[in-house]
PDB file of N, CA and C in Angstrom:
ATOM      1  N   MET A   1       4.251  10.881 -62.907  1.00  0.00           N
ATOM      2  CA  MET A   1       3.726  11.063 -61.567  1.00  0.00           C
ATOM      3  C   MET A   1       4.889  11.042 -60.587  1.00  0.00           C
ATOM      4  N   ASP A   2       4.829  11.863 -59.598  1.00  0.00           N
ATOM      5  CA  ASP A   2       5.837  11.949 -58.559  1.00  0.00           C
ATOM      6  C   ASP A   2       5.498  10.957 -57.456  1.00  0.00           C
ATOM      7  N   ARG A   3       5.995   9.736 -57.568  1.00  0.00           N
ATOM      8  CA  ARG A   3       5.668   8.702 -56.586  1.00  0.00           C
ATOM      9  C   ARG A   3       6.255   9.019 -55.215  1.00  0.00           C
ATOM     10  N   ALA A   4       7.357   9.743 -55.170  1.00  0.00           N
ATOM     11  CA  ALA A   4       7.924  10.094 -53.871  1.00  0.00           C
ATOM     12  C   ALA A   4       6.941  10.949 -53.082  1.00  0.00           C
ATOM     13  N   ARG A   5       6.218  11.797 -53.754  1.00  0.00           N
ATOM     14  CA  ARG A   5       5.256  12.658 -53.089  1.00  0.00           C
ATOM     15  C   ARG A   5       3.919  11.975 -52.891  1.00  0.00           C
ATOM     16  N   HIS A   6       3.474  11.232 -53.870  1.00  0.00           N
ATOM     17  CA  HIS A   6       2.137  10.649 -53.833  1.00  0.00           C
ATOM     18  C   HIS A   6       2.107   9.243 -53.273  1.00  0.00           C
ATOM     19  N   GLY A   7       3.210   8.553 -53.287  1.00  0.00           N
ATOM     20  CA  GLY A   7       3.254   7.194 -52.765  1.00  0.00           C
ATOM     21  C   GLY A   7       2.753   6.192 -53.786  1.00  0.00           C
ATOM     22  N   PRO A   8       2.973   4.924 -53.513  1.00  0.00           N
ATOM     23  CA  PRO A   8       2.641   3.885 -54.483  1.00  0.00           C
ATOM     24  C   PRO A   8       1.160   3.668 -54.682  1.00  0.00           C
ATOM     25  N   GLY A   9       0.324   4.116 -53.764  1.00  0.00           N
ATOM     26  CA  GLY A   9      -1.094   3.833 -53.876  1.00  0.00           C
ATOM     27  C   GLY A   9      -1.850   4.756 -54.797  1.00  0.00           C
ATOM     28  N   ASN A  10      -1.322   5.906 -55.102  1.00  0.00           N
ATOM     29  CA  ASN A  10      -2.056   6.882 -55.901  1.00  0.00           C
ATOM     30  C   ASN A  10      -1.780   6.671 -57.380  1.00  0.00           C
ATOM     31  N   PHE A  11      -2.278   5.555 -57.898  1.00  0.00           N
ATOM     32  CA  PHE A  11      -2.003   5.211 -59.279  1.00  0.00           C
ATOM     33  C   PHE A  11      -3.170   5.479 -60.203  1.00  0.00           C
ATOM     34  N   LEU A  12      -4.324   5.815 -59.677  1.00  0.00           N
ATOM     35  CA  LEU A  12      -5.470   6.144 -60.511  1.00  0.00           C
ATOM     36  C   LEU A  12      -5.796   7.618 -60.335  1.00  0.00           C
ATOM     37  N   PRO A  13      -6.135   8.307 -61.410  1.00  0.00           N
ATOM     38  CA  PRO A  13      -6.481   9.716 -61.279  1.00  0.00           C
ATOM     39  C   PRO A  13      -7.789   9.908 -60.531  1.00  0.00           C
ATOM     40  N   GLY A  14      -8.049  11.125 -60.118  1.00  0.00           N
ATOM     41  CA  GLY A  14      -9.240  11.453 -59.343  1.00  0.00           C
ATOM     42  C   GLY A  14     -10.539  11.228 -60.088  1.00  0.00           C
ATOM     43  N   PRO A  15     -11.374  12.263 -60.204  1.00  0.00           N
ATOM     44  CA  PRO A  15     -12.721  12.077 -60.756  1.00  0.00           C
ATOM     45  C   PRO A  15     -12.756  11.743 -62.247  1.00  0.00           C
ATOM     46  N   ASN A  16     -11.624  11.801 -62.922  1.00  0.00           N
ATOM     47  CA  ASN A  16     -11.609  11.528 -64.361  1.00  0.00           C
ATOM     48  C   ASN A  16     -11.180  10.103 -64.686  1.00  0.00           C
ATOM     49  N   VAL A  17     -11.354   9.186 -63.755  1.00  0.00           N
ATOM     50  CA  VAL A  17     -10.976   7.792 -63.979  1.00  0.00           C
ATOM     51  C   VAL A  17     -11.786   7.241 -65.144  1.00  0.00           C
ATOM     52  N   GLN A  18     -11.112   6.600 -66.046  1.00  0.00           N
ATOM     53  CA  GLN A  18     -11.784   5.977 -67.187  1.00  0.00           C
ATOM     54  C   GLN A  18     -12.033   4.505 -66.869  1.00  0.00           C
ATOM     55  N   PRO A  19     -13.131   3.931 -67.381  1.00  0.00           N
ATOM     56  CA  PRO A  19     -13.407   2.519 -67.114  1.00  0.00           C
ATOM     57  C   PRO A  19     -12.254   1.600 -67.475  1.00  0.00           C
ATOM     58  N   THR A  20     -11.457   1.973 -68.461  1.00  0.00           N
ATOM     59  CA  THR A  20     -10.343   1.117 -68.859  1.00  0.00           C
ATOM     60  C   THR A  20      -9.260   1.050 -67.787  1.00  0.00           C
ATOM     61  N   MET A  21      -9.321   1.905 -66.780  1.00  0.00           N
ATOM     62  CA  MET A  21      -8.321   1.890 -65.724  1.00  0.00           C
ATOM     63  C   MET A  21      -8.481   0.676 -64.817  1.00  0.00           C
ATOM     64  N   THR A  22      -9.621   0.040 -64.811  1.00  0.00           N
ATOM     65  CA  THR A  22      -9.815  -1.091 -63.919  1.00  0.00           C
ATOM     66  C   THR A  22      -9.575  -2.414 -64.641  1.00  0.00           C
ATOM     67  N   THR A  23      -8.563  -2.415 -65.465  1.00  0.00           N
ATOM     68  CA  THR A  23      -8.106  -3.658 -66.069  1.00  0.00           C
ATOM     69  C   THR A  23      -7.340  -4.440 -65.004  1.00  0.00           C
ATOM     70  N   PRO A  24      -6.908  -5.654 -65.291  1.00  0.00           N
ATOM     71  CA  PRO A  24      -6.115  -6.390 -64.300  1.00  0.00           C
ATOM     72  C   PRO A  24      -4.894  -5.615 -63.807  1.00  0.00           C
ATOM     73  N   HIS A  25      -4.386  -4.691 -64.624  1.00  0.00           N
ATOM     74  CA  HIS A  25      -3.225  -3.902 -64.211  1.00  0.00           C
ATOM     75  C   HIS A  25      -3.549  -3.007 -63.021  1.00  0.00           C
ATOM     76  N   ALA A  26      -4.790  -2.596 -62.880  1.00  0.00           N
ATOM     77  CA  ALA A  26      -5.169  -1.738 -61.765  1.00  0.00           C
ATOM     78  C   ALA A  26      -5.000  -2.458 -60.430  1.00  0.00           C
ATOM     79  N   PHE A  27      -5.055  -3.773 -60.454  1.00  0.00           N
ATOM     80  CA  PHE A  27      -4.900  -4.553 -59.234  1.00  0.00           C
ATOM     81  C   PHE A  27      -3.434  -4.792 -58.881  1.00  0.00           C
ATOM     82  N   ALA A  28      -2.521  -4.410 -59.758  1.00  0.00           N
ATOM     83  CA  ALA A  28      -1.098  -4.659 -59.526  1.00  0.00           C
ATOM     84  C   ALA A  28      -0.576  -3.908 -58.308  1.00  0.00           C
ATOM     85  N   ILE A  29      -0.992  -2.672 -58.112  1.00  0.00           N
ATOM     86  CA  ILE A  29      -0.466  -1.892 -56.993  1.00  0.00           C
ATOM     87  C   ILE A  29      -0.943  -2.455 -55.654  1.00  0.00           C
ATOM     88  N   PRO A  30      -2.236  -2.746 -55.464  1.00  0.00           N
ATOM     89  CA  PRO A  30      -2.613  -3.355 -54.184  1.00  0.00           C
ATOM     90  C   PRO A  30      -1.939  -4.714 -53.950  1.00  0.00           C
ATOM     91  N   ARG A  31      -1.675  -5.445 -55.024  1.00  0.00           N
ATOM     92  CA  ARG A  31      -0.964  -6.721 -54.858  1.00  0.00           C
ATOM     93  C   ARG A  31       0.482  -6.476 -54.445  1.00  0.00           C
ATOM     94  N   ALA A  32       1.105  -5.478 -55.050  1.00  0.00           N
ATOM     95  CA  ALA A  32       2.505  -5.172 -54.742  1.00  0.00           C
ATOM     96  C   ALA A  32       2.650  -4.519 -53.369  1.00  0.00           C
ATOM     97  N   PHE A  33       1.635  -3.747 -52.971  1.00  0.00           N
ATOM     98  CA  PHE A  33       1.666  -3.020 -51.706  1.00  0.00           C
ATOM     99  C   PHE A  33       0.381  -3.306 -50.925  1.00  0.00           C
ATOM    100  N   PRO A  34       0.168  -4.547 -50.506  1.00  0.00           N
ATOM    101  CA  PRO A  34      -1.099  -4.892 -49.855  1.00  0.00           C
ATOM    102  C   PRO A  34      -1.350  -4.151 -48.550  1.00  0.00           C
ATOM    103  N   GLY A  35      -0.326  -3.597 -47.961  1.00  0.00           N
ATOM    104  CA  GLY A  35      -0.495  -2.844 -46.726  1.00  0.00           C
ATOM    105  C   GLY A  35      -0.704  -1.361 -46.950  1.00  0.00           C
ATOM    106  N   SER A  36      -0.857  -0.942 -48.197  1.00  0.00           N
ATOM    107  CA  SER A  36      -1.045   0.472 -48.521  1.00  0.00           C
ATOM    108  C   SER A  36      -2.534   0.815 -48.599  1.00  0.00           C
ATOM    109  N   ALA A  37      -2.999   1.582 -47.638  1.00  0.00           N
ATOM    110  CA  ALA A  37      -4.395   2.015 -47.662  1.00  0.00           C
ATOM    111  C   ALA A  37      -4.673   2.850 -48.908  1.00  0.00           C
ATOM    112  N   ASN A  38      -3.699   3.649 -49.336  1.00  0.00           N
ATOM    113  CA  ASN A  38      -3.892   4.478 -50.535  1.00  0.00           C
ATOM    114  C   ASN A  38      -4.102   3.627 -51.774  1.00  0.00           C
ATOM    115  N   ALA A  39      -3.407   2.493 -51.850  1.00  0.00           N
ATOM    116  CA  ALA A  39      -3.573   1.613 -53.006  1.00  0.00           C
ATOM    117  C   ALA A  39      -5.006   1.094 -53.084  1.00  0.00           C
ATOM    118  N   TRP A  40      -5.539   0.649 -51.952  1.00  0.00           N
ATOM    119  CA  TRP A  40      -6.912   0.128 -51.928  1.00  0.00           C
ATOM    120  C   TRP A  40      -7.933   1.231 -52.152  1.00  0.00           C
ATOM    121  N   ASP A  41      -7.663   2.409 -51.615  1.00  0.00           N
ATOM    122  CA  ASP A  41      -8.553   3.545 -51.812  1.00  0.00           C
ATOM    123  C   ASP A  41      -8.640   3.914 -53.296  1.00  0.00           C
ATOM    124  N   SER A  42      -7.489   3.974 -53.940  1.00  0.00           N
ATOM    125  CA  SER A  42      -7.470   4.306 -55.372  1.00  0.00           C
ATOM    126  C   SER A  42      -8.151   3.230 -56.200  1.00  0.00           C
ATOM    127  N   LEU A  43      -7.943   1.979 -55.832  1.00  0.00           N
ATOM    128  CA  LEU A  43      -8.614   0.897 -56.540  1.00  0.00           C
ATOM    129  C   LEU A  43     -10.129   1.019 -56.383  1.00  0.00           C
ATOM    130  N   GLY A  44     -10.585   1.330 -55.180  1.00  0.00           N
ATOM    131  CA  GLY A  44     -12.018   1.528 -54.954  1.00  0.00           C
ATOM    132  C   GLY A  44     -12.585   2.611 -55.848  1.00  0.00           C
ATOM    133  N   GLU A  45     -11.847   3.695 -55.973  1.00  0.00           N
ATOM    134  CA  GLU A  45     -12.283   4.801 -56.831  1.00  0.00           C
ATOM    135  C   GLU A  45     -12.426   4.348 -58.282  1.00  0.00           C
ATOM    136  N   GLY A  46     -11.441   3.615 -58.758  1.00  0.00           N
ATOM    137  CA  GLY A  46     -11.484   3.137 -60.136  1.00  0.00           C
ATOM    138  C   GLY A  46     -12.604   2.138 -60.372  1.00  0.00           C
ATOM    139  N   LEU A  47     -12.792   1.250 -59.420  1.00  0.00           N
ATOM    140  CA  LEU A  47     -13.860   0.252 -59.554  1.00  0.00           C
ATOM    141  C   LEU A  47     -15.235   0.908 -59.570  1.00  0.00           C
ATOM    142  N   LEU A  48     -15.436   1.896 -58.709  1.00  0.00           N
ATOM    143  CA  LEU A  48     -16.730   2.601 -58.724  1.00  0.00           C
ATOM    144  C   LEU A  48     -16.940   3.312 -60.055  1.00  0.00           C
ATOM    145  N   ALA A  49     -15.887   3.935 -60.557  1.00  0.00           N
ATOM    146  CA  ALA A  49     -15.996   4.639 -61.837  1.00  0.00           C
ATOM    147  C   ALA A  49     -16.328   3.670 -62.965  1.00  0.00           C
ATOM    148  N   ASP A  50     -15.936   2.419 -62.788  1.00  0.00           N
ATOM    149  CA  ASP A  50     -16.192   1.394 -63.796  1.00  0.00           C
ATOM    150  C   ASP A  50     -17.538   0.708 -63.580  1.00  0.00           C
ATOM    151  N   GLY A  51     -18.294   1.164 -62.565  1.00  0.00           N
ATOM    152  CA  GLY A  51     -19.606   0.587 -62.312  1.00  0.00           C
ATOM    153  C   GLY A  51     -19.580  -0.671 -61.467  1.00  0.00           C
ATOM    154  N   GLN A  52     -18.442  -0.973 -60.882  1.00  0.00           N
ATOM    155  CA  GLN A  52     -18.303  -2.171 -60.067  1.00  0.00           C
ATOM    156  C   GLN A  52     -18.460  -1.791 -58.590  1.00  0.00           C
ATOM    157  N   ARG A  53     -19.689  -1.483 -58.227  1.00  0.00           N
ATOM    158  CA  ARG A  53     -19.999  -0.925 -56.909  1.00  0.00           C
ATOM    159  C   ARG A  53     -19.549  -1.817 -55.756  1.00  0.00           C
ATOM    160  N   GLU A  54     -19.934  -3.069 -55.767  1.00  0.00           N
ATOM    161  CA  GLU A  54     -19.604  -3.954 -54.645  1.00  0.00           C
ATOM    162  C   GLU A  54     -18.096  -4.142 -54.495  1.00  0.00           C
ATOM    163  N   ALA A  55     -17.403  -4.290 -55.600  1.00  0.00           N
ATOM    164  CA  ALA A  55     -15.945  -4.439 -55.543  1.00  0.00           C
ATOM    165  C   ALA A  55     -15.301  -3.146 -55.048  1.00  0.00           C
ATOM    166  N   GLY A  56     -15.837  -2.004 -55.476  1.00  0.00           N
ATOM    167  CA  GLY A  56     -15.331  -0.717 -55.003  1.00  0.00           C
ATOM    168  C   GLY A  56     -15.513  -0.553 -53.506  1.00  0.00           C
ATOM    169  N   ILE A  57     -16.687  -0.931 -53.029  1.00  0.00           N
ATOM    170  CA  ILE A  57     -16.966  -0.860 -51.590  1.00  0.00           C
ATOM    171  C   ILE A  57     -15.983  -1.750 -50.828  1.00  0.00           C
ATOM    172  N   ALA A  58     -15.747  -2.944 -51.324  1.00  0.00           N
ATOM    173  CA  ALA A  58     -14.815  -3.858 -50.661  1.00  0.00           C
ATOM    174  C   ALA A  58     -13.405  -3.257 -50.607  1.00  0.00           C
ATOM    175  N   ALA A  59     -12.992  -2.595 -51.692  1.00  0.00           N
ATOM    176  CA  ALA A  59     -11.668  -1.976 -51.712  1.00  0.00           C
ATOM    177  C   ALA A  59     -11.591  -0.831 -50.703  1.00  0.00           C
ATOM    178  N   TYR A  60     -12.647  -0.023 -50.630  1.00  0.00           N
ATOM    179  CA  TYR A  60     -12.663   1.062 -49.637  1.00  0.00           C
ATOM    180  C   TYR A  60     -12.642   0.493 -48.216  1.00  0.00           C
ATOM    181  N   ARG A  61     -13.374  -0.570 -47.984  1.00  0.00           N
ATOM    182  CA  ARG A  61     -13.374  -1.186 -46.643  1.00  0.00           C
ATOM    183  C   ARG A  61     -11.995  -1.744 -46.293  1.00  0.00           C
ATOM    184  N   LYS A  62     -11.296  -2.295 -47.278  1.00  0.00           N
ATOM    185  CA  LYS A  62      -9.935  -2.786 -47.049  1.00  0.00           C
ATOM    186  C   LYS A  62      -9.013  -1.612 -46.693  1.00  0.00           C
ATOM    187  N   ALA A  63      -9.169  -0.484 -47.386  1.00  0.00           N
ATOM    188  CA  ALA A  63      -8.366   0.703 -47.072  1.00  0.00           C
ATOM    189  C   ALA A  63      -8.601   1.130 -45.630  1.00  0.00           C
ATOM    190  N   LEU A  64      -9.853   1.099 -45.194  1.00  0.00           N
ATOM    191  CA  LEU A  64     -10.178   1.496 -43.823  1.00  0.00           C
ATOM    192  C   LEU A  64      -9.720   0.467 -42.797  1.00  0.00           C
ATOM    193  N   GLU A  65      -9.645  -0.770 -43.197  1.00  0.00           N
ATOM    194  CA  GLU A  65      -9.113  -1.810 -42.309  1.00  0.00           C
ATOM    195  C   GLU A  65      -7.626  -1.537 -42.033  1.00  0.00           C
ATOM    196  N   ILE A  66      -6.922  -1.118 -43.083  1.00  0.00           N
ATOM    197  CA  ILE A  66      -5.494  -0.839 -42.963  1.00  0.00           C
ATOM    198  C   ILE A  66      -5.255   0.481 -42.227  1.00  0.00           C
ATOM    199  N   ARG A  67      -6.020   1.512 -42.602  1.00  0.00           N
ATOM    200  CA  ARG A  67      -5.872   2.828 -41.976  1.00  0.00           C
ATOM    201  C   ARG A  67      -7.252   3.322 -41.546  1.00  0.00           C
ATOM    202  N   PRO A  68      -7.673   2.939 -40.343  1.00  0.00           N
ATOM    203  CA  PRO A  68      -8.990   3.372 -39.856  1.00  0.00           C
ATOM    204  C   PRO A  68      -9.144   4.896 -39.918  1.00  0.00           C
ATOM    205  N   GLY A  69     -10.294   5.304 -40.417  1.00  0.00           N
ATOM    206  CA  GLY A  69     -10.583   6.733 -40.497  1.00  0.00           C
ATOM    207  C   GLY A  69     -10.011   7.424 -41.719  1.00  0.00           C
ATOM    208  N   LEU A  70      -9.419   6.694 -42.661  1.00  0.00           N
ATOM    209  CA  LEU A  70      -8.869   7.321 -43.869  1.00  0.00           C
ATOM    210  C   LEU A  70      -9.960   8.191 -44.488  1.00  0.00           C
ATOM    211  N   PRO A  71      -9.759   9.511 -44.513  1.00  0.00           N
ATOM    212  CA  PRO A  71     -10.839  10.418 -44.935  1.00  0.00           C
ATOM    213  C   PRO A  71     -11.424  10.123 -46.313  1.00  0.00           C
ATOM    214  N   SER A  72     -10.596   9.852 -47.298  1.00  0.00           N
ATOM    215  CA  SER A  72     -11.120   9.652 -48.651  1.00  0.00           C
ATOM    216  C   SER A  72     -11.977   8.396 -48.747  1.00  0.00           C
ATOM    217  N   ALA A  73     -11.550   7.319 -48.093  1.00  0.00           N
ATOM    218  CA  ALA A  73     -12.329   6.081 -48.128  1.00  0.00           C
ATOM    219  C   ALA A  73     -13.619   6.230 -47.326  1.00  0.00           C
ATOM    220  N   ALA A  74     -13.525   6.859 -46.170  1.00  0.00           N
ATOM    221  CA  ALA A  74     -14.720   7.063 -45.337  1.00  0.00           C
ATOM    222  C   ALA A  74     -15.743   7.929 -46.067  1.00  0.00           C
ATOM    223  N   GLU A  75     -15.281   8.985 -46.705  1.00  0.00           N
ATOM    224  CA  GLU A  75     -16.197   9.884 -47.429  1.00  0.00           C
ATOM    225  C   GLU A  75     -16.823   9.162 -48.625  1.00  0.00           C
ATOM    226  N   ALA A  76     -16.042   8.355 -49.312  1.00  0.00           N
ATOM    227  CA  ALA A  76     -16.580   7.618 -50.465  1.00  0.00           C
ATOM    228  C   ALA A  76     -17.715   6.690 -50.019  1.00  0.00           C
ATOM    229  N   LEU A  77     -17.519   6.007 -48.908  1.00  0.00           N
ATOM    230  CA  LEU A  77     -18.584   5.126 -48.409  1.00  0.00           C
ATOM    231  C   LEU A  77     -19.809   5.935 -47.975  1.00  0.00           C
ATOM    232  N   ARG A  78     -19.573   7.088 -47.364  1.00  0.00           N
ATOM    233  CA  ARG A  78     -20.720   7.943 -46.982  1.00  0.00           C
ATOM    234  C   ARG A  78     -21.498   8.391 -48.218  1.00  0.00           C
ATOM    235  N   ARG A  79     -20.784   8.752 -49.289  1.00  0.00           N
ATOM    236  CA  ARG A  79     -21.461   9.177 -50.522  1.00  0.00           C
ATOM    237  C   ARG A  79     -22.301   8.046 -51.098  1.00  0.00           C
ATOM    238  N   LEU A  80     -21.925   6.815 -50.797  1.00  0.00           N
ATOM    239  CA  LEU A  80     -22.693   5.662 -51.264  1.00  0.00           C
ATOM    240  C   LEU A  80     -23.823   5.295 -50.292  1.00  0.00           C
ATOM    241  N   GLY A  81     -23.956   6.091 -49.246  1.00  0.00           N
ATOM    242  CA  GLY A  81     -25.019   5.850 -48.265  1.00  0.00           C
ATOM    243  C   GLY A  81     -24.657   4.766 -47.258  1.00  0.00           C
ATOM    244  N   LEU A  82     -23.372   4.518 -47.119  1.00  0.00           N
ATOM    245  CA  LEU A  82     -22.906   3.468 -46.202  1.00  0.00           C
ATOM    246  C   LEU A  82     -22.144   4.066 -45.036  1.00  0.00           C
ATOM    247  N   SER A  83     -22.070   3.324 -43.974  1.00  0.00           N
ATOM    248  CA  SER A  83     -21.292   3.724 -42.824  1.00  0.00           C
ATOM    249  C   SER A  83     -19.855   3.277 -43.013  1.00  0.00           C
ATOM    250  N   PRO A  84     -18.898   4.164 -42.764  1.00  0.00           N
ATOM    251  CA  PRO A  84     -17.487   3.762 -42.911  1.00  0.00           C
ATOM    252  C   PRO A  84     -17.069   2.714 -41.897  1.00  0.00           C
TER     253      PRO A  84
END
């Protein structure tokens, strides 16, 4: 992966996230880069893919706290029927 282009937060793949991606290692990037909205957004995506809805929502909300209006996090919450 080209981290220079994608940044440290984009550590989980898009719609093909496998449940095994949300192991404790998936939390390493948000811990290492707690101020990265992309890290929390990607974690939210992985958690939702793993069926961990509430944890995924919390991760998306954290991403929006860091970067209000982040399109991917806002859209993910809308798809869940929630207000960003």
